[in-house]
N, C-alpha and C. Protein backbone atom coordinates (compact mmCIF):
# COMPACT_ATOMS: atom_id res chain seq x y z
N MET A 1 -13.89 2.60 -6.88
CA MET A 1 -12.73 2.48 -6.01
C MET A 1 -13.04 3.06 -4.64
N ILE A 2 -13.75 4.19 -4.60
CA ILE A 2 -14.08 4.81 -3.31
C ILE A 2 -14.94 3.87 -2.48
N SER A 3 -15.96 3.30 -3.08
CA SER A 3 -16.84 2.37 -2.35
C SER A 3 -16.07 1.15 -1.87
N PHE A 4 -15.22 0.61 -2.72
CA PHE A 4 -14.41 -0.56 -2.37
C PHE A 4 -13.52 -0.26 -1.17
N LEU A 5 -12.78 0.85 -1.22
CA LEU A 5 -11.89 1.20 -0.12
C LEU A 5 -12.68 1.49 1.16
N ASN A 6 -13.79 2.21 1.04
CA ASN A 6 -14.59 2.50 2.23
C ASN A 6 -15.16 1.23 2.85
N ASP A 7 -15.57 0.27 2.02
CA ASP A 7 -16.07 -1.00 2.56
C ASP A 7 -14.96 -1.77 3.28
N ILE A 8 -13.79 -1.80 2.69
CA ILE A 8 -12.67 -2.54 3.29
C ILE A 8 -12.24 -1.90 4.60
N PHE A 9 -12.15 -0.58 4.62
CA PHE A 9 -11.60 0.12 5.78
C PHE A 9 -12.67 0.67 6.73
N ASP A 10 -13.90 0.19 6.60
CA ASP A 10 -15.00 0.64 7.45
C ASP A 10 -14.64 0.45 8.92
N GLY A 11 -14.67 1.51 9.68
CA GLY A 11 -14.35 1.45 11.10
C GLY A 11 -12.87 1.53 11.42
N VAL A 12 -12.03 1.51 10.38
CA VAL A 12 -10.58 1.56 10.60
C VAL A 12 -10.06 2.97 10.39
N GLN A 13 -10.65 3.70 9.47
CA GLN A 13 -10.21 5.07 9.20
C GLN A 13 -11.40 5.89 8.71
N ASP A 14 -11.20 7.19 8.60
CA ASP A 14 -12.26 8.07 8.13
C ASP A 14 -12.69 7.69 6.72
N LYS A 15 -13.93 8.02 6.38
CA LYS A 15 -14.45 7.75 5.05
C LYS A 15 -13.61 8.47 3.99
N ILE A 16 -13.42 7.79 2.89
CA ILE A 16 -12.71 8.36 1.75
C ILE A 16 -13.75 9.04 0.86
N GLU A 17 -13.54 10.30 0.56
CA GLU A 17 -14.50 11.06 -0.24
C GLU A 17 -14.11 11.13 -1.71
N ASP A 18 -12.83 11.10 -1.98
CA ASP A 18 -12.34 11.27 -3.34
C ASP A 18 -11.01 10.56 -3.47
N VAL A 19 -10.70 10.03 -4.63
CA VAL A 19 -9.38 9.44 -4.87
C VAL A 19 -8.80 10.00 -6.16
N GLU A 20 -7.50 10.06 -6.19
CA GLU A 20 -6.78 10.45 -7.40
C GLU A 20 -5.90 9.28 -7.77
N PHE A 21 -6.02 8.78 -8.99
CA PHE A 21 -5.20 7.66 -9.43
C PHE A 21 -3.82 8.16 -9.79
N LEU A 22 -2.82 7.44 -9.33
CA LEU A 22 -1.43 7.84 -9.50
C LEU A 22 -0.71 6.89 -10.46
N LYS A 23 0.48 7.28 -10.84
CA LYS A 23 1.34 6.47 -11.71
C LYS A 23 1.62 5.12 -11.03
N LEU A 24 1.47 4.03 -11.77
CA LEU A 24 1.59 2.69 -11.19
C LEU A 24 3.03 2.23 -11.00
N ASN A 25 3.94 2.70 -11.84
CA ASN A 25 5.31 2.25 -11.71
C ASN A 25 6.13 3.24 -10.89
N GLN A 26 7.06 2.70 -10.13
CA GLN A 26 7.92 3.51 -9.29
C GLN A 26 9.36 3.18 -9.65
N ASP A 27 10.07 4.15 -10.13
CA ASP A 27 11.48 3.94 -10.45
C ASP A 27 12.28 3.93 -9.17
N SER A 28 13.27 3.07 -9.14
CA SER A 28 14.15 3.01 -7.99
C SER A 28 15.15 4.15 -8.04
N GLU A 29 15.56 4.64 -6.89
CA GLU A 29 16.59 5.68 -6.86
C GLU A 29 17.94 5.14 -7.29
N VAL A 30 18.11 3.84 -7.20
CA VAL A 30 19.35 3.18 -7.61
C VAL A 30 19.08 2.46 -8.92
N ALA A 31 19.80 2.81 -9.96
CA ALA A 31 19.52 2.30 -11.31
C ALA A 31 19.58 0.78 -11.39
N ALA A 32 20.42 0.15 -10.59
CA ALA A 32 20.58 -1.30 -10.66
C ALA A 32 19.40 -2.05 -10.03
N TYR A 33 18.58 -1.36 -9.24
CA TYR A 33 17.45 -2.01 -8.59
C TYR A 33 16.25 -2.05 -9.54
N ARG A 34 15.38 -2.98 -9.28
CA ARG A 34 14.21 -3.17 -10.13
C ARG A 34 13.17 -2.07 -9.91
N GLN A 35 12.47 -1.79 -10.97
CA GLN A 35 11.33 -0.89 -10.90
C GLN A 35 10.17 -1.68 -10.30
N SER A 36 9.34 -1.04 -9.50
CA SER A 36 8.17 -1.74 -8.97
C SER A 36 6.93 -1.23 -9.68
N ILE A 37 6.03 -2.15 -9.98
CA ILE A 37 4.77 -1.80 -10.63
C ILE A 37 3.65 -2.43 -9.81
N VAL A 38 2.71 -1.62 -9.38
CA VAL A 38 1.59 -2.12 -8.59
C VAL A 38 0.32 -2.11 -9.44
N ASP A 39 -0.73 -2.76 -8.96
CA ASP A 39 -1.97 -2.85 -9.72
C ASP A 39 -2.76 -1.55 -9.67
N VAL A 40 -2.94 -0.99 -8.49
CA VAL A 40 -3.66 0.28 -8.33
C VAL A 40 -2.94 1.09 -7.27
N LYS A 41 -2.73 2.36 -7.56
CA LYS A 41 -2.17 3.28 -6.57
C LYS A 41 -2.99 4.56 -6.65
N CYS A 42 -3.50 4.99 -5.51
CA CYS A 42 -4.30 6.20 -5.49
C CYS A 42 -4.08 6.92 -4.17
N SER A 43 -4.55 8.16 -4.13
CA SER A 43 -4.45 8.92 -2.89
C SER A 43 -5.79 9.57 -2.61
N ASN A 44 -6.03 9.85 -1.33
CA ASN A 44 -7.28 10.55 -0.99
C ASN A 44 -7.00 12.04 -0.82
N ALA A 45 -8.02 12.79 -0.48
CA ALA A 45 -7.91 14.25 -0.38
C ALA A 45 -6.91 14.69 0.68
N GLN A 46 -6.68 13.86 1.69
CA GLN A 46 -5.72 14.21 2.74
C GLN A 46 -4.29 13.81 2.39
N GLY A 47 -4.08 13.20 1.22
CA GLY A 47 -2.73 12.83 0.79
C GLY A 47 -2.30 11.44 1.19
N ARG A 48 -3.17 10.70 1.88
CA ARG A 48 -2.85 9.32 2.23
C ARG A 48 -2.84 8.49 0.96
N GLN A 49 -1.82 7.70 0.76
CA GLN A 49 -1.71 6.90 -0.46
C GLN A 49 -2.11 5.47 -0.18
N PHE A 50 -2.81 4.89 -1.15
CA PHE A 50 -3.28 3.51 -1.07
C PHE A 50 -2.68 2.72 -2.22
N ILE A 51 -2.15 1.56 -1.92
CA ILE A 51 -1.65 0.65 -2.94
C ILE A 51 -2.53 -0.59 -2.86
N ILE A 52 -3.09 -1.00 -3.98
CA ILE A 52 -3.90 -2.20 -4.02
C ILE A 52 -3.22 -3.18 -4.96
N GLU A 53 -2.91 -4.35 -4.44
CA GLU A 53 -2.20 -5.36 -5.21
C GLU A 53 -3.04 -6.63 -5.23
N MET A 54 -3.32 -7.15 -6.42
CA MET A 54 -4.02 -8.41 -6.57
C MET A 54 -2.99 -9.49 -6.88
N GLN A 55 -3.12 -10.63 -6.20
CA GLN A 55 -2.14 -11.70 -6.37
C GLN A 55 -2.88 -13.02 -6.49
N CYS A 56 -2.70 -13.71 -7.63
CA CYS A 56 -3.39 -14.99 -7.84
C CYS A 56 -2.57 -16.18 -7.37
N ALA A 57 -1.29 -16.17 -7.64
CA ALA A 57 -0.44 -17.31 -7.30
C ALA A 57 0.34 -17.04 -6.03
N SER A 58 0.56 -18.07 -5.27
CA SER A 58 1.34 -17.95 -4.04
C SER A 58 2.78 -17.56 -4.39
N ASP A 59 3.34 -16.71 -3.58
CA ASP A 59 4.69 -16.19 -3.81
C ASP A 59 5.40 -16.18 -2.46
N SER A 60 6.48 -16.93 -2.32
CA SER A 60 7.17 -17.05 -1.03
C SER A 60 7.78 -15.72 -0.59
N ALA A 61 8.02 -14.81 -1.51
CA ALA A 61 8.62 -13.51 -1.17
C ALA A 61 7.57 -12.39 -1.13
N PHE A 62 6.29 -12.75 -1.11
CA PHE A 62 5.23 -11.76 -1.22
C PHE A 62 5.32 -10.68 -0.15
N ILE A 63 5.45 -11.06 1.10
CA ILE A 63 5.46 -10.08 2.19
C ILE A 63 6.65 -9.13 2.05
N LYS A 64 7.80 -9.65 1.71
CA LYS A 64 8.98 -8.78 1.52
C LYS A 64 8.78 -7.86 0.33
N ARG A 65 8.20 -8.37 -0.74
CA ARG A 65 7.99 -7.56 -1.94
C ARG A 65 7.00 -6.43 -1.67
N VAL A 66 5.87 -6.73 -1.02
CA VAL A 66 4.90 -5.67 -0.77
C VAL A 66 5.41 -4.67 0.26
N SER A 67 6.23 -5.12 1.17
CA SER A 67 6.86 -4.18 2.13
C SER A 67 7.77 -3.22 1.38
N ALA A 68 8.51 -3.73 0.41
CA ALA A 68 9.40 -2.87 -0.39
C ALA A 68 8.58 -1.88 -1.20
N TYR A 69 7.46 -2.33 -1.79
CA TYR A 69 6.60 -1.43 -2.56
C TYR A 69 6.07 -0.30 -1.67
N ALA A 70 5.58 -0.65 -0.50
CA ALA A 70 5.03 0.35 0.41
C ALA A 70 6.11 1.32 0.87
N CYS A 71 7.29 0.82 1.15
CA CYS A 71 8.40 1.69 1.57
C CYS A 71 8.77 2.68 0.47
N ARG A 72 8.77 2.22 -0.78
CA ARG A 72 9.08 3.13 -1.89
C ARG A 72 8.07 4.27 -1.98
N VAL A 73 6.80 3.93 -1.86
CA VAL A 73 5.76 4.96 -1.92
C VAL A 73 5.94 5.93 -0.76
N TYR A 74 6.25 5.40 0.40
CA TYR A 74 6.46 6.23 1.58
C TYR A 74 7.65 7.18 1.37
N LEU A 75 8.76 6.64 0.91
CA LEU A 75 9.97 7.45 0.72
C LEU A 75 9.86 8.41 -0.46
N ASN A 76 9.09 8.06 -1.48
CA ASN A 76 8.94 8.94 -2.64
C ASN A 76 8.19 10.23 -2.32
N GLN A 77 7.57 10.29 -1.15
CA GLN A 77 6.92 11.53 -0.74
C GLN A 77 7.94 12.57 -0.28
N ARG A 78 9.11 12.13 0.05
CA ARG A 78 10.14 13.00 0.60
C ARG A 78 10.86 13.74 -0.52
N ASN A 79 10.96 15.04 -0.40
CA ASN A 79 11.81 15.83 -1.28
C ASN A 79 12.52 16.86 -0.43
N LYS A 80 13.32 17.72 -1.04
CA LYS A 80 14.14 18.64 -0.25
C LYS A 80 13.31 19.66 0.54
N ASN A 81 12.04 19.84 0.18
CA ASN A 81 11.19 20.80 0.88
C ASN A 81 10.21 20.13 1.86
N THR A 82 10.34 18.83 2.05
CA THR A 82 9.41 18.08 2.90
C THR A 82 10.10 17.66 4.18
N ASN A 83 9.47 17.91 5.29
CA ASN A 83 9.96 17.39 6.56
C ASN A 83 9.43 15.97 6.74
N TYR A 84 10.16 15.15 7.45
CA TYR A 84 9.71 13.77 7.67
C TYR A 84 8.35 13.74 8.36
N GLY A 85 8.08 14.70 9.23
CA GLY A 85 6.80 14.75 9.92
C GLY A 85 5.62 15.01 9.01
N ASP A 86 5.88 15.51 7.80
CA ASP A 86 4.82 15.81 6.84
C ASP A 86 4.47 14.62 5.94
N ILE A 87 5.25 13.55 6.02
CA ILE A 87 5.01 12.39 5.17
C ILE A 87 3.71 11.71 5.61
N LYS A 88 2.85 11.44 4.66
CA LYS A 88 1.54 10.84 4.92
C LYS A 88 1.65 9.32 5.03
N PRO A 89 0.74 8.71 5.77
CA PRO A 89 0.73 7.24 5.87
C PRO A 89 0.48 6.60 4.50
N VAL A 90 0.97 5.40 4.34
CA VAL A 90 0.75 4.60 3.14
C VAL A 90 -0.01 3.35 3.57
N VAL A 91 -1.09 3.05 2.86
CA VAL A 91 -1.90 1.87 3.15
C VAL A 91 -1.72 0.89 2.00
N PHE A 92 -1.33 -0.34 2.32
CA PHE A 92 -1.16 -1.38 1.31
C PHE A 92 -2.25 -2.41 1.49
N LEU A 93 -3.07 -2.60 0.47
CA LEU A 93 -4.16 -3.57 0.51
C LEU A 93 -3.84 -4.69 -0.47
N SER A 94 -3.82 -5.91 0.03
CA SER A 94 -3.56 -7.08 -0.81
C SER A 94 -4.83 -7.89 -0.95
N VAL A 95 -5.20 -8.17 -2.18
CA VAL A 95 -6.33 -9.04 -2.46
C VAL A 95 -5.73 -10.32 -3.03
N LEU A 96 -5.85 -11.41 -2.29
CA LEU A 96 -5.15 -12.65 -2.65
C LEU A 96 -6.12 -13.75 -3.03
N ASN A 97 -5.70 -14.60 -3.95
CA ASN A 97 -6.48 -15.76 -4.34
C ASN A 97 -5.95 -17.02 -3.65
N TYR A 98 -5.33 -16.85 -2.52
CA TYR A 98 -4.81 -17.96 -1.74
C TYR A 98 -4.73 -17.48 -0.29
N THR A 99 -4.49 -18.40 0.61
CA THR A 99 -4.44 -18.07 2.03
C THR A 99 -3.00 -17.75 2.42
N LEU A 100 -2.76 -16.51 2.76
CA LEU A 100 -1.42 -16.08 3.16
C LEU A 100 -1.09 -16.55 4.57
N PHE A 101 -2.07 -16.46 5.46
CA PHE A 101 -1.87 -16.89 6.85
C PHE A 101 -2.85 -18.03 7.14
N PRO A 102 -2.44 -19.28 6.89
CA PRO A 102 -3.37 -20.41 6.98
C PRO A 102 -3.93 -20.66 8.39
N ASN A 103 -3.27 -20.20 9.43
CA ASN A 103 -3.74 -20.43 10.79
C ASN A 103 -4.68 -19.33 11.28
N LYS A 104 -4.96 -18.37 10.44
CA LYS A 104 -5.84 -17.26 10.82
C LYS A 104 -7.24 -17.53 10.27
N GLU A 105 -8.26 -17.39 11.12
CA GLU A 105 -9.62 -17.71 10.70
C GLU A 105 -10.31 -16.57 9.97
N ALA A 106 -10.03 -15.32 10.32
CA ALA A 106 -10.72 -14.19 9.70
C ALA A 106 -10.24 -13.98 8.27
N TYR A 107 -11.12 -13.48 7.43
CA TYR A 107 -10.75 -13.23 6.04
C TYR A 107 -10.04 -11.89 5.87
N LEU A 108 -10.15 -11.01 6.86
CA LEU A 108 -9.58 -9.68 6.76
C LEU A 108 -8.57 -9.48 7.87
N SER A 109 -7.36 -9.09 7.50
CA SER A 109 -6.29 -8.87 8.47
C SER A 109 -5.82 -7.43 8.39
N HIS A 110 -5.59 -6.83 9.51
CA HIS A 110 -5.01 -5.49 9.58
C HIS A 110 -3.64 -5.65 10.21
N HIS A 111 -2.62 -5.15 9.54
CA HIS A 111 -1.25 -5.27 10.03
C HIS A 111 -0.63 -3.89 10.05
N LYS A 112 0.29 -3.69 10.95
CA LYS A 112 1.03 -2.43 10.96
C LYS A 112 2.43 -2.72 11.47
N PHE A 113 3.37 -1.91 11.02
CA PHE A 113 4.71 -1.99 11.55
C PHE A 113 4.69 -1.31 12.91
N GLN A 114 5.34 -1.93 13.86
CA GLN A 114 5.31 -1.37 15.20
C GLN A 114 6.68 -1.52 15.83
N ASP A 115 7.09 -0.47 16.50
CA ASP A 115 8.35 -0.49 17.22
C ASP A 115 8.14 -1.26 18.53
N ILE A 116 8.90 -2.28 18.77
CA ILE A 116 8.76 -3.09 20.00
C ILE A 116 10.01 -2.93 20.85
């Protein structure tokens, strides 16, 4: 996993030295909402969390679903003793067996939420 993540994120972030595998399912704070289950969730020594999701079939709601998964991981770091400034970044890596962005030529895309 360390080699895989370091190869994917080469030049994008510092080298990952160690990972800790975390619980894959995330319960919703609202009982009526669905539980989310990801393929791999791990964190590095600095507390940055990585979600790796493999997807074989095209899913029209994929981007919304993975955004919700990442937001849950981000918000689950918050507890009564945590300041918002202490929340670590969450990295979501999708490995797809189809082309999500057909007009894009590169095989690797880096995306981030940005305030405009």
